[in-house]
Every structure is written in C-alpha cells, then in structure tokens.
All heavy atoms as atom14 arrays in JSON, in Angstrom:
{
  "sequence": "LKVSEKELVEVVEALDGVPGWLSYYGFLRVQG",
  "atom14_mask": [
    [1, 1, 1, 1, 1, 1, 1, 1, 0, 0, 0, 0, 0, 0],
    [1, 1, 1, 1, 1, 1, 1, 1, 1, 0, 0, 0, 0, 0],
    [1, 1, 1, 1, 1, 1, 1, 0, 0, 0, 0, 0, 0, 0],
    [1, 1, 1, 1, 1, 1, 0, 0, 0, 0, 0, 0, 0, 0],
    [1, 1, 1, 1, 1, 1, 1, 1, 1, 0, 0, 0, 0, 0],
    [1, 1, 1, 1, 1, 1, 1, 1, 1, 0, 0, 0, 0, 0],
    [1, 1, 1, 1, 1, 1, 1, 1, 1, 0, 0, 0, 0, 0],
    [1, 1, 1, 1, 1, 1, 1, 1, 0, 0, 0, 0, 0, 0],
    [1, 1, 1, 1, 1, 1, 1, 0, 0, 0, 0, 0, 0, 0],
    [1, 1, 1, 1, 1, 1, 1, 1, 1, 0, 0, 0, 0, 0],
    [1, 1, 1, 1, 1, 1, 1, 0, 0, 0, 0, 0, 0, 0],
    [1, 1, 1, 1, 1, 1, 1, 0, 0, 0, 0, 0, 0, 0],
    [1, 1, 1, 1, 1, 1, 1, 1, 1, 0, 0, 0, 0, 0],
    [1, 1, 1, 1, 1, 0, 0, 0, 0, 0, 0, 0, 0, 0],
    [1, 1, 1, 1, 1, 1, 1, 1, 0, 0, 0, 0, 0, 0],
    [1, 1, 1, 1, 1, 1, 1, 1, 0, 0, 0, 0, 0, 0],
    [1, 1, 1, 1, 0, 0, 0, 0, 0, 0, 0, 0, 0, 0],
    [1, 1, 1, 1, 1, 1, 1, 0, 0, 0, 0, 0, 0, 0],
    [1, 1, 1, 1, 1, 1, 1, 0, 0, 0, 0, 0, 0, 0],
    [1, 1, 1, 1, 0, 0, 0, 0, 0, 0, 0, 0, 0, 0],
    [1, 1, 1, 1, 1, 1, 1, 1, 1, 1, 1, 1, 1, 1],
    [1, 1, 1, 1, 1, 1, 1, 1, 0, 0, 0, 0, 0, 0],
    [1, 1, 1, 1, 1, 1, 0, 0, 0, 0, 0, 0, 0, 0],
    [1, 1, 1, 1, 1, 1, 1, 1, 1, 1, 1, 1, 0, 0],
    [1, 1, 1, 1, 1, 1, 1, 1, 1, 1, 1, 1, 0, 0],
    [1, 1, 1, 1, 0, 0, 0, 0, 0, 0, 0, 0, 0, 0],
    [1, 1, 1, 1, 1, 1, 1, 1, 1, 1, 1, 0, 0, 0],
    [1, 1, 1, 1, 1, 1, 1, 1, 0, 0, 0, 0, 0, 0],
    [1, 1, 1, 1, 1, 1, 1, 1, 1, 1, 1, 0, 0, 0],
    [1, 1, 1, 1, 1, 1, 1, 0, 0, 0, 0, 0, 0, 0],
    [1, 1, 1, 1, 1, 1, 1, 1, 1, 0, 0, 0, 0, 0],
    [1, 1, 1, 1, 0, 0, 0, 0, 0, 0, 0, 0, 0, 0]
  ],
  "atom14_positions": [
    [[0.85, -1.17, 0.0], [-0.01, -0.01, -0.01], [0.87, 1.23, -0.01], [1.75, 1.36, 0.86], [-0.91, 0.0, 1.23], [-1.88, 1.18, 1.36], [-2.9, 1.16, 0.2], [-2.62, 1.1, 2.7], [0.0, 0.0, 0.0], [0.0, 0.0, 0.0], [0.0, 0.0, 0.0], [0.0, 0.0, 0.0], [0.0, 0.0, 0.0], [0.0, 0.0, 0.0]],
    [[0.67, 2.12, -0.95], [1.48, 3.33, -1.03], [0.94, 4.4, -0.09], [-0.22, 4.77, -0.15], [1.47, 3.85, -2.5], [2.51, 3.25, -3.42], [2.65, 4.09, -4.68], [3.94, 3.7, -5.39], [4.19, 4.63, -6.52], [0.0, 0.0, 0.0], [0.0, 0.0, 0.0], [0.0, 0.0, 0.0], [0.0, 0.0, 0.0], [0.0, 0.0, 0.0]],
    [[1.85, 4.91, 0.7], [1.48, 5.98, 1.66], [2.61, 7.02, 1.58], [3.82, 6.66, 1.6], [1.38, 5.46, 3.09], [1.06, 6.58, 4.06], [0.29, 4.37, 3.19], [0.0, 0.0, 0.0], [0.0, 0.0, 0.0], [0.0, 0.0, 0.0], [0.0, 0.0, 0.0], [0.0, 0.0, 0.0], [0.0, 0.0, 0.0], [0.0, 0.0, 0.0]],
    [[2.26, 8.26, 1.46], [3.26, 9.3, 1.28], [4.06, 9.54, 2.57], [3.57, 9.29, 3.66], [2.62, 10.59, 0.8], [1.89, 11.2, 1.93], [0.0, 0.0, 0.0], [0.0, 0.0, 0.0], [0.0, 0.0, 0.0], [0.0, 0.0, 0.0], [0.0, 0.0, 0.0], [0.0, 0.0, 0.0], [0.0, 0.0, 0.0], [0.0, 0.0, 0.0]],
    [[5.28, 10.07, 2.36], [6.1, 10.4, 3.54], [5.42, 11.47, 4.36], [5.52, 11.43, 5.62], [7.44, 10.97, 3.0], [8.49, 11.26, 4.1], [9.17, 10.03, 4.6], [9.07, 8.97, 3.95], [9.83, 10.12, 5.69], [0.0, 0.0, 0.0], [0.0, 0.0, 0.0], [0.0, 0.0, 0.0], [0.0, 0.0, 0.0], [0.0, 0.0, 0.0]],
    [[4.75, 12.39, 3.73], [4.04, 13.5, 4.47], [2.99, 12.87, 5.41], [2.85, 13.29, 6.57], [3.37, 14.42, 3.51], [2.57, 15.56, 4.15], [2.04, 16.45, 3.07], [1.2, 17.61, 3.71], [-0.03, 17.11, 4.31], [0.0, 0.0, 0.0], [0.0, 0.0, 0.0], [0.0, 0.0, 0.0], [0.0, 0.0, 0.0], [0.0, 0.0, 0.0]],
    [[2.25, 11.89, 4.94], [1.25, 11.23, 5.77], [1.87, 10.51, 6.96], [1.37, 10.55, 8.06], [0.37, 10.28, 4.92], [-0.5, 11.0, 3.93], [-1.25, 10.04, 2.99], [-0.82, 8.87, 2.88], [-2.22, 10.46, 2.41], [0.0, 0.0, 0.0], [0.0, 0.0, 0.0], [0.0, 0.0, 0.0], [0.0, 0.0, 0.0], [0.0, 0.0, 0.0]],
    [[2.98, 9.79, 6.67], [3.63, 9.09, 7.72], [4.14, 10.01, 8.83], [4.02, 9.75, 10.01], [4.82, 8.25, 7.15], [4.48, 7.15, 6.16], [5.73, 6.42, 5.72], [3.49, 6.18, 6.77], [0.0, 0.0, 0.0], [0.0, 0.0, 0.0], [0.0, 0.0, 0.0], [0.0, 0.0, 0.0], [0.0, 0.0, 0.0], [0.0, 0.0, 0.0]],
    [[4.69, 11.12, 8.44], [5.2, 12.13, 9.41], [4.04, 12.65, 10.24], [4.16, 12.81, 11.47], [5.93, 13.27, 8.71], [6.22, 14.41, 9.69], [7.24, 12.72, 8.08], [0.0, 0.0, 0.0], [0.0, 0.0, 0.0], [0.0, 0.0, 0.0], [0.0, 0.0, 0.0], [0.0, 0.0, 0.0], [0.0, 0.0, 0.0], [0.0, 0.0, 0.0]],
    [[2.9, 12.91, 9.63], [1.72, 13.41, 10.33], [1.25, 12.39, 11.37], [0.85, 12.74, 12.49], [0.6, 13.72, 9.36], [0.82, 14.98, 8.51], [-0.33, 15.26, 7.58], [-1.28, 14.41, 7.55], [-0.31, 16.29, 6.89], [0.0, 0.0, 0.0], [0.0, 0.0, 0.0], [0.0, 0.0, 0.0], [0.0, 0.0, 0.0], [0.0, 0.0, 0.0]],
    [[1.32, 11.1, 10.99], [0.85, 10.04, 11.92], [1.79, 10.02, 13.15], [1.34, 9.97, 14.31], [0.89, 8.69, 11.22], [0.63, 7.57, 12.23], [-0.19, 8.65, 10.11], [0.0, 0.0, 0.0], [0.0, 0.0, 0.0], [0.0, 0.0, 0.0], [0.0, 0.0, 0.0], [0.0, 0.0, 0.0], [0.0, 0.0, 0.0], [0.0, 0.0, 0.0]],
    [[3.13, 10.05, 12.91], [4.07, 9.98, 14.01], [3.95, 11.23, 14.89], [4.07, 11.12, 16.14], [5.5, 9.84, 13.45], [6.54, 9.9, 14.58], [5.66, 8.49, 12.71], [0.0, 0.0, 0.0], [0.0, 0.0, 0.0], [0.0, 0.0, 0.0], [0.0, 0.0, 0.0], [0.0, 0.0, 0.0], [0.0, 0.0, 0.0], [0.0, 0.0, 0.0]],
    [[3.72, 12.38, 14.31], [3.55, 13.59, 15.11], [2.24, 13.52, 15.97], [2.25, 13.96, 17.12], [3.48, 14.79, 14.23], [4.8, 15.18, 13.57], [4.67, 16.38, 12.63], [3.51, 16.76, 12.32], [5.72, 16.88, 12.21], [0.0, 0.0, 0.0], [0.0, 0.0, 0.0], [0.0, 0.0, 0.0], [0.0, 0.0, 0.0], [0.0, 0.0, 0.0]],
    [[1.22, 12.87, 15.48], [-0.02, 12.76, 16.21], [-0.03, 11.64, 17.23], [-0.62, 11.78, 18.33], [-1.17, 12.55, 15.25], [0.0, 0.0, 0.0], [0.0, 0.0, 0.0], [0.0, 0.0, 0.0], [0.0, 0.0, 0.0], [0.0, 0.0, 0.0], [0.0, 0.0, 0.0], [0.0, 0.0, 0.0], [0.0, 0.0, 0.0], [0.0, 0.0, 0.0]],
    [[0.6, 10.52, 16.89], [0.49, 9.31, 17.75], [1.8, 8.98, 18.45], [1.85, 8.07, 19.26], [0.09, 8.1, 16.9], [-1.23, 8.26, 16.12], [-1.52, 7.01, 15.31], [-2.39, 8.57, 17.05], [0.0, 0.0, 0.0], [0.0, 0.0, 0.0], [0.0, 0.0, 0.0], [0.0, 0.0, 0.0], [0.0, 0.0, 0.0], [0.0, 0.0, 0.0]],
    [[2.87, 9.77, 18.15], [4.18, 9.58, 18.72], [4.7, 8.17, 18.47], [4.43, 7.61, 17.39], [4.1, 9.88, 20.27], [5.44, 10.37, 20.83], [6.4, 10.43, 20.06], [5.51, 10.59, 22.04], [0.0, 0.0, 0.0], [0.0, 0.0, 0.0], [0.0, 0.0, 0.0], [0.0, 0.0, 0.0], [0.0, 0.0, 0.0], [0.0, 0.0, 0.0]],
    [[5.39, 7.56, 19.43], [6.02, 6.26, 19.16], [5.36, 5.12, 19.88], [5.96, 4.11, 20.25], [0.0, 0.0, 0.0], [0.0, 0.0, 0.0], [0.0, 0.0, 0.0], [0.0, 0.0, 0.0], [0.0, 0.0, 0.0], [0.0, 0.0, 0.0], [0.0, 0.0, 0.0], [0.0, 0.0, 0.0], [0.0, 0.0, 0.0], [0.0, 0.0, 0.0]],
    [[4.02, 5.24, 20.07], [3.25, 4.17, 20.73], [2.89, 3.09, 19.71], [2.1, 3.28, 18.82], [1.98, 4.7, 21.34], [1.25, 3.63, 22.16], [2.31, 5.95, 22.24], [0.0, 0.0, 0.0], [0.0, 0.0, 0.0], [0.0, 0.0, 0.0], [0.0, 0.0, 0.0], [0.0, 0.0, 0.0], [0.0, 0.0, 0.0], [0.0, 0.0, 0.0]],
    [[3.54, 1.88, 19.83], [3.3, 0.86, 18.83], [1.82, 0.5, 18.62], [1.4, 0.27, 17.54], [4.07, -0.32, 19.37], [5.2, 0.27, 20.21], [4.56, 1.5, 20.83], [0.0, 0.0, 0.0], [0.0, 0.0, 0.0], [0.0, 0.0, 0.0], [0.0, 0.0, 0.0], [0.0, 0.0, 0.0], [0.0, 0.0, 0.0], [0.0, 0.0, 0.0]],
    [[1.07, 0.51, 19.71], [-0.34, 0.13, 19.59], [-1.14, 1.06, 18.71], [-1.95, 0.64, 17.89], [0.0, 0.0, 0.0], [0.0, 0.0, 0.0], [0.0, 0.0, 0.0], [0.0, 0.0, 0.0], [0.0, 0.0, 0.0], [0.0, 0.0, 0.0], [0.0, 0.0, 0.0], [0.0, 0.0, 0.0], [0.0, 0.0, 0.0], [0.0, 0.0, 0.0]],
    [[-0.92, 2.35, 18.88], [-1.67, 3.34, 18.08], [-1.21, 3.33, 16.66], [-2.02, 3.44, 15.71], [-1.5, 4.76, 18.65], [-1.94, 4.92, 20.07], [-1.3, 5.77, 20.99], [-3.0, 4.31, 20.85], [-1.93, 5.7, 22.24], [-2.97, 4.81, 22.14], [-3.96, 3.36, 20.45], [-3.89, 4.4, 23.09], [-4.88, 2.97, 21.43], [-4.83, 3.46, 22.74]],
    [[0.09, 3.22, 16.41], [0.62, 3.2, 15.03], [0.08, 1.96, 14.3], [-0.32, 2.04, 13.12], [2.15, 3.11, 15.09], [2.86, 4.35, 15.7], [4.37, 4.07, 15.83], [2.61, 5.62, 14.89], [0.0, 0.0, 0.0], [0.0, 0.0, 0.0], [0.0, 0.0, 0.0], [0.0, 0.0, 0.0], [0.0, 0.0, 0.0], [0.0, 0.0, 0.0]],
    [[0.05, 0.83, 15.02], [-0.47, -0.38, 14.4], [-1.95, -0.23, 14.05], [-2.41, -0.73, 12.97], [-0.25, -1.57, 15.35], [-0.71, -2.79, 14.78], [0.0, 0.0, 0.0], [0.0, 0.0, 0.0], [0.0, 0.0, 0.0], [0.0, 0.0, 0.0], [0.0, 0.0, 0.0], [0.0, 0.0, 0.0], [0.0, 0.0, 0.0], [0.0, 0.0, 0.0]],
    [[-2.7, 0.39, 14.9], [-4.14, 0.54, 14.65], [-4.38, 1.45, 13.44], [-5.28, 1.19, 12.63], [-4.84, 1.06, 15.89], [-6.36, 1.09, 15.78], [-7.05, -0.09, 15.44], [-7.12, 2.24, 15.94], [-8.43, -0.11, 15.34], [-8.47, 2.21, 15.81], [-9.14, 1.05, 15.52], [-10.48, 1.04, 15.39], [0.0, 0.0, 0.0], [0.0, 0.0, 0.0]],
    [[-3.61, 2.49, 13.35], [-3.73, 3.43, 12.16], [-3.44, 2.62, 10.9], [-4.21, 2.71, 9.93], [-2.74, 4.58, 12.28], [-2.55, 5.29, 10.96], [-3.43, 6.3, 10.54], [-1.45, 5.0, 10.11], [-3.27, 6.93, 9.34], [-1.31, 5.59, 8.87], [-2.19, 6.6, 8.5], [-2.02, 7.21, 7.31], [0.0, 0.0, 0.0], [0.0, 0.0, 0.0]],
    [[-2.38, 1.8, 10.9], [-2.05, 0.98, 9.74], [-3.14, 0.01, 9.38], [-3.51, -0.18, 8.23], [0.0, 0.0, 0.0], [0.0, 0.0, 0.0], [0.0, 0.0, 0.0], [0.0, 0.0, 0.0], [0.0, 0.0, 0.0], [0.0, 0.0, 0.0], [0.0, 0.0, 0.0], [0.0, 0.0, 0.0], [0.0, 0.0, 0.0], [0.0, 0.0, 0.0]],
    [[-3.76, -0.59, 10.44], [-4.9, -1.5, 10.2], [-6.07, -0.82, 9.47], [-6.65, -1.34, 8.55], [-5.36, -2.1, 11.54], [-6.66, -2.82, 11.49], [-6.74, -4.05, 10.96], [-7.8, -2.17, 11.96], [-7.98, -4.73, 10.92], [-9.04, -2.81, 11.93], [-9.12, -4.09, 11.38], [0.0, 0.0, 0.0], [0.0, 0.0, 0.0], [0.0, 0.0, 0.0]],
    [[-6.37, 0.41, 9.94], [-7.45, 1.13, 9.34], [-7.17, 1.53, 7.91], [-8.09, 1.48, 7.03], [-7.73, 2.44, 10.18], [-8.24, 2.18, 11.56], [-8.32, 3.5, 12.37], [-9.66, 1.52, 11.59], [0.0, 0.0, 0.0], [0.0, 0.0, 0.0], [0.0, 0.0, 0.0], [0.0, 0.0, 0.0], [0.0, 0.0, 0.0], [0.0, 0.0, 0.0]],
    [[-5.91, 1.87, 7.58], [-5.56, 2.14, 6.19], [-5.7, 0.96, 5.33], [-6.19, 1.02, 4.18], [-4.13, 2.71, 6.1], [-3.9, 4.11, 6.69], [-4.77, 5.17, 6.01], [-4.62, 5.21, 4.56], [-3.72, 5.92, 3.92], [-2.81, 6.65, 4.57], [-3.68, 5.91, 2.58], [0.0, 0.0, 0.0], [0.0, 0.0, 0.0], [0.0, 0.0, 0.0]],
    [[-5.32, -0.19, 5.86], [-5.39, -1.45, 5.11], [-6.87, -1.79, 4.88], [-7.21, -2.39, 3.81], [-4.71, -2.62, 5.84], [-4.95, -3.93, 5.2], [-3.16, -2.36, 5.92], [0.0, 0.0, 0.0], [0.0, 0.0, 0.0], [0.0, 0.0, 0.0], [0.0, 0.0, 0.0], [0.0, 0.0, 0.0], [0.0, 0.0, 0.0], [0.0, 0.0, 0.0]],
    [[-7.71, -1.38, 5.76], [-9.18, -1.62, 5.6], [-9.83, -0.71, 4.59], [-10.99, -0.84, 4.27], [-9.91, -1.51, 6.91], [-9.43, -2.46, 7.97], [-9.52, -3.91, 7.55], [-10.6, -4.39, 7.16], [-8.39, -4.61, 7.57], [0.0, 0.0, 0.0], [0.0, 0.0, 0.0], [0.0, 0.0, 0.0], [0.0, 0.0, 0.0], [0.0, 0.0, 0.0]],
    [[-9.05, 0.28, 4.07], [-9.56, 1.13, 2.98], [-9.83, 2.55, 3.39], [-10.29, 3.35, 2.54], [0.0, 0.0, 0.0], [0.0, 0.0, 0.0], [0.0, 0.0, 0.0], [0.0, 0.0, 0.0], [0.0, 0.0, 0.0], [0.0, 0.0, 0.0], [0.0, 0.0, 0.0], [0.0, 0.0, 0.0], [0.0, 0.0, 0.0], [0.0, 0.0, 0.0]]
  ]
}
C-alpha cells in the first residue's frame, strides 16, 4: 500500500512512538 512520507510524518507527530496506536492506524488504512 502506497503511503506518502508526508502522511507518515503526520501520523508519527499525532501518535508519537506508541506501537499500539501506530499499528491501529495501519490496520485502518489497510481496511480502506
């Protein structure tokens, strides 16, 4: 799944380094 660098940076700024939140964001993107 293609995701832009800008989007990834926004996610990290919003969710910091918490593996659980990062994983859940990824799951939602995979769901469409």
